[in-house]
Amino acid sequence: MKNIHECDLNLLVVLSELLRTPSVRTVASRLGRTPSAISHALARLRRLLDDPLFVRVGTRLEPTARAQALRPRLQQALGDLSEVLASRPEFEPTTAERRFVVACADYHELVLWPHLAEALRERAPGLDLTSINAGDGVEQAVTDGPADLGIAVDPRDRPGLRQRALFTERFVVVMRREHPLAGRRLTAKRFAQADHALIAPRGTPGSRVDRELGDRGLSRRICLQTAHFVTAPVIVARTDLLLTIPERVARVFAPQLDLVIARPPVPIPEFTVVMLWAEPNDRDPAHAWLRAQIVEAARSNRTSPG
């Protein structure tokens, strides 16, 4: 045999077993195959190695000198191969060095990254994290690169991707403490008559709030529209604009900017935030470790009930 590509590696298993017990029937029983299949494999081995390998002496098969010489090297090679197939790559977070890219919006960074960054500094100081805003292309960024992970909304069938729900989010209304509506019951009519800021990450007008108001024969004025969750609360803190925003974001900014949080006067459907990753990364131990840290960050940022 000149090249390993010419050999079915299963033949080497047969040869190893025959060297242990030179009996076609015994090896066939041990490997769960028929005696004829073992005899056929032995014939192929003889052709490949250009050696009889075993010769009959009376009623016994005796290995040739070539077969005897192969025994220790073959056992070592098969043992090494078994270890390769059985082993899994280890991951030690305290010494690992790696960079992960996550496709997400600034909203996800606000509610997840502070806890995650703290966990990485304490548990895996050699791991680096890079966020990219892929807009509507989160799934493609994870499937085709450059993202290792993605954070998106709403669980649904995404071929080729794994996903894990992180949390369910609801909306609240925030306003500055000196706002005329602060401390008053926020009715749908009062809400519609006020001036509003709108966060529209995709830059398109309208929202779930406007649809709910429309169903009640009401409409509101959007005085300011921004694509960023970070910008809007700062603006609201200095104006008499109302802002409807995910509750976890409101909980970040309310104590810092002295904002009042109120329940929306119209029902707004909740949404679920999910983590996405490509199927080939499912068993990567470093990848799995990072996913666990993101799940922990989501749990640490639960909102208050009610």
Protein backbone atom coordinates (compact mmCIF):
# COMPACT_ATOMS: atom_id res chain seq x y z
CA MET A 1 0.00 0.00 0.00
CA LYS A 2 1.51 3.31 -1.06
CA ASN A 3 -1.07 5.71 0.36
CA ILE A 4 -3.43 5.64 3.32
CA HIS A 5 -6.21 6.88 1.03
CA GLU A 6 -6.14 3.43 -0.59
CA CYS A 7 -7.14 1.80 2.69
CA ASP A 8 -10.48 1.43 4.41
CA LEU A 9 -9.55 2.08 8.05
CA ASN A 10 -12.02 -0.58 9.13
CA LEU A 11 -9.62 -3.11 7.62
CA LEU A 12 -7.01 -2.10 10.17
CA VAL A 13 -9.45 -2.86 12.97
CA VAL A 14 -9.95 -6.33 11.50
CA LEU A 15 -6.19 -6.83 11.25
CA SER A 16 -5.69 -5.71 14.85
CA GLU A 17 -8.33 -8.15 16.09
CA LEU A 18 -6.85 -11.03 14.05
CA LEU A 19 -3.45 -10.30 15.55
CA ARG A 20 -5.02 -10.54 19.01
CA THR A 21 -6.93 -13.73 18.18
CA PRO A 22 -6.03 -15.39 14.86
CA SER A 23 -9.47 -16.90 14.32
CA VAL A 24 -11.86 -15.67 11.62
CA ARG A 25 -14.93 -16.92 13.52
CA THR A 26 -13.88 -15.40 16.85
CA VAL A 27 -13.10 -12.01 15.28
CA ALA A 28 -16.36 -12.08 13.33
CA SER A 29 -18.31 -12.66 16.56
CA ARG A 30 -16.36 -9.94 18.39
CA LEU A 31 -16.96 -7.34 15.68
CA GLY A 32 -20.56 -8.34 14.99
CA ARG A 33 -19.84 -9.39 11.42
CA THR A 34 -20.05 -12.63 9.47
CA PRO A 35 -17.03 -14.96 9.01
CA SER A 36 -17.24 -14.40 5.25
CA ALA A 37 -16.99 -10.62 5.76
CA ILE A 38 -13.85 -11.09 7.87
CA SER A 39 -12.36 -13.45 5.26
CA HIS A 40 -13.11 -10.87 2.56
CA ALA A 41 -11.46 -8.14 4.66
CA LEU A 42 -8.39 -10.32 5.15
CA ALA A 43 -8.15 -10.89 1.41
CA ARG A 44 -8.23 -7.13 0.81
CA LEU A 45 -5.54 -6.60 3.45
CA ARG A 46 -3.30 -9.18 1.76
CA ARG A 47 -3.60 -7.34 -1.55
CA LEU A 48 -3.05 -3.92 0.01
CA LEU A 49 -0.01 -4.98 2.03
CA ASP A 50 1.29 -7.45 -0.51
CA ASP A 51 1.78 -10.07 2.18
CA PRO A 52 -0.15 -13.23 3.25
CA LEU A 53 -0.28 -11.79 6.82
CA PHE A 54 -1.57 -15.14 8.18
CA VAL A 55 -0.71 -18.67 7.09
CA ARG A 56 -2.39 -21.85 8.17
CA VAL A 57 -0.30 -24.16 10.33
CA GLY A 58 -2.34 -27.27 10.97
CA THR A 59 -5.68 -25.99 12.23
CA ARG A 60 -4.32 -22.61 13.32
CA LEU A 61 -3.65 -19.30 11.62
CA GLU A 62 -0.17 -17.98 12.35
CA PRO A 63 0.85 -14.36 11.65
CA THR A 64 3.71 -13.80 9.24
CA ALA A 65 6.81 -11.84 10.16
CA ARG A 66 5.32 -8.77 8.44
CA ALA A 67 2.12 -9.05 10.47
CA GLN A 68 4.10 -9.52 13.70
CA ALA A 69 6.11 -6.38 12.94
CA LEU A 70 2.92 -4.41 12.33
CA ARG A 71 1.30 -5.41 15.64
CA PRO A 72 2.78 -2.77 18.07
CA ARG A 73 2.60 0.09 15.59
CA LEU A 74 -0.96 -0.79 14.58
CA GLN A 75 -2.12 -0.98 18.20
CA GLN A 76 -0.51 2.38 18.92
CA ALA A 77 -2.07 3.99 15.84
CA LEU A 78 -5.56 2.69 16.56
CA GLY A 79 -5.24 3.70 20.21
CA ASP A 80 -4.25 7.24 19.21
CA LEU A 81 -7.13 7.41 16.74
CA SER A 82 -9.60 6.26 19.40
CA GLU A 83 -8.39 9.00 21.73
CA VAL A 84 -8.79 11.60 18.99
CA LEU A 85 -12.35 10.50 18.30
CA ALA A 86 -13.29 10.25 21.97
CA SER A 87 -11.72 13.48 23.16
CA ARG A 88 -13.42 16.86 23.23
CA PRO A 89 -11.57 20.16 23.16
CA GLU A 90 -11.23 21.63 26.62
CA PHE A 91 -11.94 25.23 27.51
CA GLU A 92 -10.42 26.95 30.50
CA PRO A 93 -11.94 30.44 30.72
CA THR A 94 -9.29 31.83 33.05
CA THR A 95 -6.51 31.26 30.51
CA ALA A 96 -8.36 31.27 27.17
CA GLU A 97 -7.68 34.00 24.62
CA ARG A 98 -10.33 34.56 21.98
CA ARG A 99 -12.48 37.27 20.42
CA PHE A 100 -16.22 36.90 19.91
CA VAL A 101 -18.35 39.06 17.63
CA VAL A 102 -22.01 39.56 18.53
CA ALA A 103 -24.60 41.10 16.18
CA CYS A 104 -27.12 43.05 18.22
CA ALA A 105 -28.82 46.42 18.72
CA ASP A 106 -27.85 49.02 21.31
CA TYR A 107 -30.94 47.97 23.29
CA HIS A 108 -29.42 44.50 23.80
CA GLU A 109 -26.09 46.02 24.79
CA LEU A 110 -27.77 48.21 27.39
CA VAL A 111 -29.56 45.36 29.14
CA LEU A 112 -26.99 42.57 28.76
CA TRP A 113 -23.50 43.93 28.33
CA PRO A 114 -22.83 45.54 31.75
CA HIS A 115 -23.29 42.23 33.57
CA LEU A 116 -21.60 40.28 30.78
CA ALA A 117 -18.56 42.56 30.72
CA GLU A 118 -18.19 42.18 34.47
CA ALA A 119 -18.42 38.39 34.19
CA LEU A 120 -15.79 38.27 31.43
CA ARG A 121 -13.34 40.45 33.37
CA GLU A 122 -13.69 38.24 36.44
CA ARG A 123 -13.90 34.79 34.87
CA ALA A 124 -12.29 35.04 31.43
CA PRO A 125 -9.98 38.06 31.21
CA GLY A 126 -8.52 36.88 27.92
CA LEU A 127 -11.86 36.85 26.09
CA ASP A 128 -12.71 39.94 24.04
CA LEU A 129 -16.19 40.95 22.91
CA THR A 130 -17.08 43.03 19.86
CA SER A 131 -20.62 44.20 19.08
CA ILE A 132 -21.80 44.99 15.58
CA ASN A 133 -25.14 46.46 14.55
CA ALA A 134 -26.31 44.28 11.68
CA GLY A 135 -29.78 45.86 11.50
CA ASP A 136 -32.19 43.42 9.88
CA GLY A 137 -29.27 41.20 8.85
CA VAL A 138 -28.57 39.55 12.22
CA GLU A 139 -29.37 36.07 10.94
CA GLN A 140 -27.13 36.47 7.90
CA ALA A 141 -24.32 37.89 10.03
CA VAL A 142 -24.46 34.75 12.19
CA THR A 143 -24.87 32.31 9.31
CA ASP A 144 -22.28 33.77 6.94
CA GLY A 145 -20.13 35.83 9.31
CA PRO A 146 -18.68 37.87 10.80
CA ALA A 147 -20.82 37.28 13.92
CA ASP A 148 -20.36 34.33 16.29
CA LEU A 149 -23.67 35.09 17.99
CA GLY A 150 -26.71 37.22 17.36
CA ILE A 151 -29.39 38.77 19.55
CA ALA A 152 -32.78 39.15 17.90
CA VAL A 153 -36.47 39.27 18.77
CA ASP A 154 -39.23 36.69 18.59
CA PRO A 155 -38.56 32.94 18.35
CA ARG A 156 -39.29 31.51 14.90
CA ASP A 157 -37.95 28.88 12.56
CA ARG A 158 -34.50 29.90 11.40
CA PRO A 159 -32.93 27.10 9.29
CA GLY A 160 -29.31 26.39 10.16
CA LEU A 161 -29.46 28.38 13.40
CA ARG A 162 -29.89 27.38 17.02
CA GLN A 163 -31.71 29.71 19.37
CA ARG A 164 -32.35 30.24 23.06
CA ALA A 165 -34.99 32.56 24.53
CA LEU A 166 -33.35 35.02 26.94
CA PHE A 167 -36.30 36.98 28.32
CA THR A 168 -39.71 38.41 27.53
CA GLU A 169 -39.93 42.20 27.45
CA ARG A 170 -42.81 44.62 27.94
CA PHE A 171 -43.20 48.31 27.21
CA VAL A 172 -43.54 51.22 29.63
CA VAL A 173 -43.88 54.99 29.24
CA VAL A 174 -41.22 57.31 30.64
CA MET A 175 -41.31 61.07 31.22
CA ARG A 176 -39.35 63.62 33.20
CA ARG A 177 -40.48 64.08 36.79
CA GLU A 178 -41.66 67.65 36.08
CA HIS A 179 -43.84 66.55 33.15
CA PRO A 180 -47.47 67.78 33.42
CA LEU A 181 -48.68 64.17 33.30
CA ALA A 182 -46.28 62.88 35.96
CA GLY A 183 -48.29 61.60 38.91
CA ARG A 184 -51.60 61.73 37.01
CA ARG A 185 -53.54 58.77 35.66
CA LEU A 186 -52.31 58.22 32.13
CA THR A 187 -55.44 57.71 30.02
CA ALA A 188 -55.38 56.93 26.32
CA LYS A 189 -56.75 60.40 25.53
CA ARG A 190 -54.14 62.23 27.63
CA PHE A 191 -51.45 60.01 26.18
CA ALA A 192 -52.53 60.80 22.60
CA GLN A 193 -52.71 64.54 23.27
CA ALA A 194 -49.12 64.70 24.56
CA ASP A 195 -46.04 65.13 22.38
CA HIS A 196 -43.92 62.04 21.88
CA ALA A 197 -40.46 60.80 21.05
CA LEU A 198 -40.20 57.55 19.06
CA ILE A 199 -37.39 55.04 18.83
CA ALA A 200 -37.41 53.53 15.34
CA PRO A 201 -34.26 51.42 14.81
CA ARG A 202 -35.19 50.77 11.18
CA GLY A 203 -36.04 54.42 10.52
CA THR A 204 -39.65 53.71 9.58
CA PRO A 205 -42.56 55.69 11.06
CA GLY A 206 -45.39 54.13 13.04
CA SER A 207 -45.35 51.54 15.80
CA ARG A 208 -47.49 49.13 17.76
CA VAL A 209 -48.56 52.06 19.93
CA ASP A 210 -49.91 53.97 16.93
CA ARG A 211 -51.87 50.93 15.77
CA GLU A 212 -53.48 50.56 19.19
CA LEU A 213 -54.33 54.25 19.29
CA GLY A 214 -55.75 54.06 15.77
CA ASP A 215 -58.07 51.25 16.82
CA ARG A 216 -59.50 53.68 19.39
CA GLY A 217 -59.86 56.55 16.98
CA LEU A 218 -56.84 58.36 18.45
CA SER A 219 -53.50 59.51 17.07
CA ARG A 220 -50.43 61.15 18.55
CA ARG A 221 -47.80 63.60 17.38
CA ILE A 222 -44.24 62.28 17.05
CA CYS A 223 -42.08 65.35 17.58
CA LEU A 224 -38.78 63.50 17.55
CA GLN A 225 -37.73 60.19 16.04
CA THR A 226 -34.38 58.50 16.66
CA ALA A 227 -32.86 55.15 15.80
CA HIS A 228 -31.07 54.77 19.13
CA PHE A 229 -32.25 53.57 22.53
CA VAL A 230 -29.42 55.48 24.23
CA THR A 231 -30.37 58.90 22.83
CA ALA A 232 -34.11 59.04 23.44
CA PRO A 233 -34.20 58.85 27.28
CA VAL A 234 -31.65 61.67 27.55
CA ILE A 235 -33.81 63.87 25.32
CA VAL A 236 -36.98 63.01 27.26
CA ALA A 237 -35.29 63.96 30.53
CA ARG A 238 -34.91 67.53 29.23
CA THR A 239 -38.24 67.96 27.42
CA ASP A 240 -41.97 67.36 27.88
CA LEU A 241 -41.93 64.45 25.45
CA LEU A 242 -43.32 61.03 26.36
CA LEU A 243 -41.37 57.95 25.35
CA THR A 244 -42.66 54.39 25.07
CA ILE A 245 -39.70 52.11 25.61
CA PRO A 246 -38.82 48.53 26.69
CA GLU A 247 -38.96 48.32 30.46
CA ARG A 248 -35.38 47.08 30.92
CA VAL A 249 -34.08 50.19 29.16
CA ALA A 250 -36.33 52.38 31.30
CA ARG A 251 -34.96 50.76 34.46
CA VAL A 252 -31.42 51.63 33.37
CA PHE A 253 -32.11 55.32 32.74
CA ALA A 254 -34.86 56.19 35.24
CA PRO A 255 -32.62 56.55 38.33
CA GLN A 256 -29.85 58.28 36.38
CA LEU A 257 -32.08 60.83 34.65
CA ASP A 258 -34.85 61.12 37.28
CA LEU A 259 -37.50 59.73 34.95
CA VAL A 260 -40.96 58.59 35.97
CA ILE A 261 -42.11 55.17 34.70
CA ALA A 262 -45.80 54.62 33.91
CA ARG A 263 -47.87 51.85 32.40
CA PRO A 264 -49.02 52.41 28.83
CA PRO A 265 -52.72 53.34 28.61
CA VAL A 266 -53.21 50.95 25.67
CA PRO A 267 -52.19 47.28 25.47
CA ILE A 268 -48.88 46.74 23.70
CA PRO A 269 -47.83 43.16 22.89
CA GLU A 270 -44.76 41.87 24.68
CA PHE A 271 -41.83 40.48 22.72
CA THR A 272 -39.21 37.82 23.38
CA VAL A 273 -35.47 38.38 22.98
CA VAL A 274 -33.57 35.36 21.65
CA MET A 275 -29.92 34.43 21.21
CA LEU A 276 -28.91 32.90 17.87
CA TRP A 277 -25.88 30.87 16.82
CA ALA A 278 -24.91 28.67 13.88
CA GLU A 279 -25.28 24.91 14.28
CA PRO A 280 -21.53 24.18 13.79
CA ASN A 281 -20.81 26.24 16.94
CA ASP A 282 -23.31 24.32 19.05
CA ARG A 283 -20.66 22.07 20.68
CA ASP A 284 -17.77 24.51 20.72
CA PRO A 285 -16.95 24.62 24.47
CA ALA A 286 -15.83 28.26 24.41
CA HIS A 287 -18.93 29.23 22.49
CA ALA A 288 -21.15 27.30 24.89
CA TRP A 289 -19.47 28.99 27.85
CA LEU A 290 -20.13 32.46 26.43
CA ARG A 291 -23.76 31.57 25.72
CA ALA A 292 -24.14 30.52 29.34
CA GLN A 293 -22.78 33.88 30.48
CA ILE A 294 -25.27 35.71 28.26
CA VAL A 295 -28.12 33.63 29.71
CA GLU A 296 -26.90 34.55 33.19
CA ALA A 297 -26.75 38.24 32.21
CA ALA A 298 -30.35 38.05 31.00
CA ARG A 299 -31.47 36.47 34.28
CA SER A 300 -29.70 39.12 36.31
CA ASN A 301 -31.64 41.85 34.52
CA ARG A 302 -35.16 40.69 35.31
CA THR A 303 -37.76 43.40 35.64
CA SER A 304 -40.05 43.74 38.61
CA PRO A 305 -43.42 41.98 38.34
CA GLY A 306 -46.63 43.84 37.80
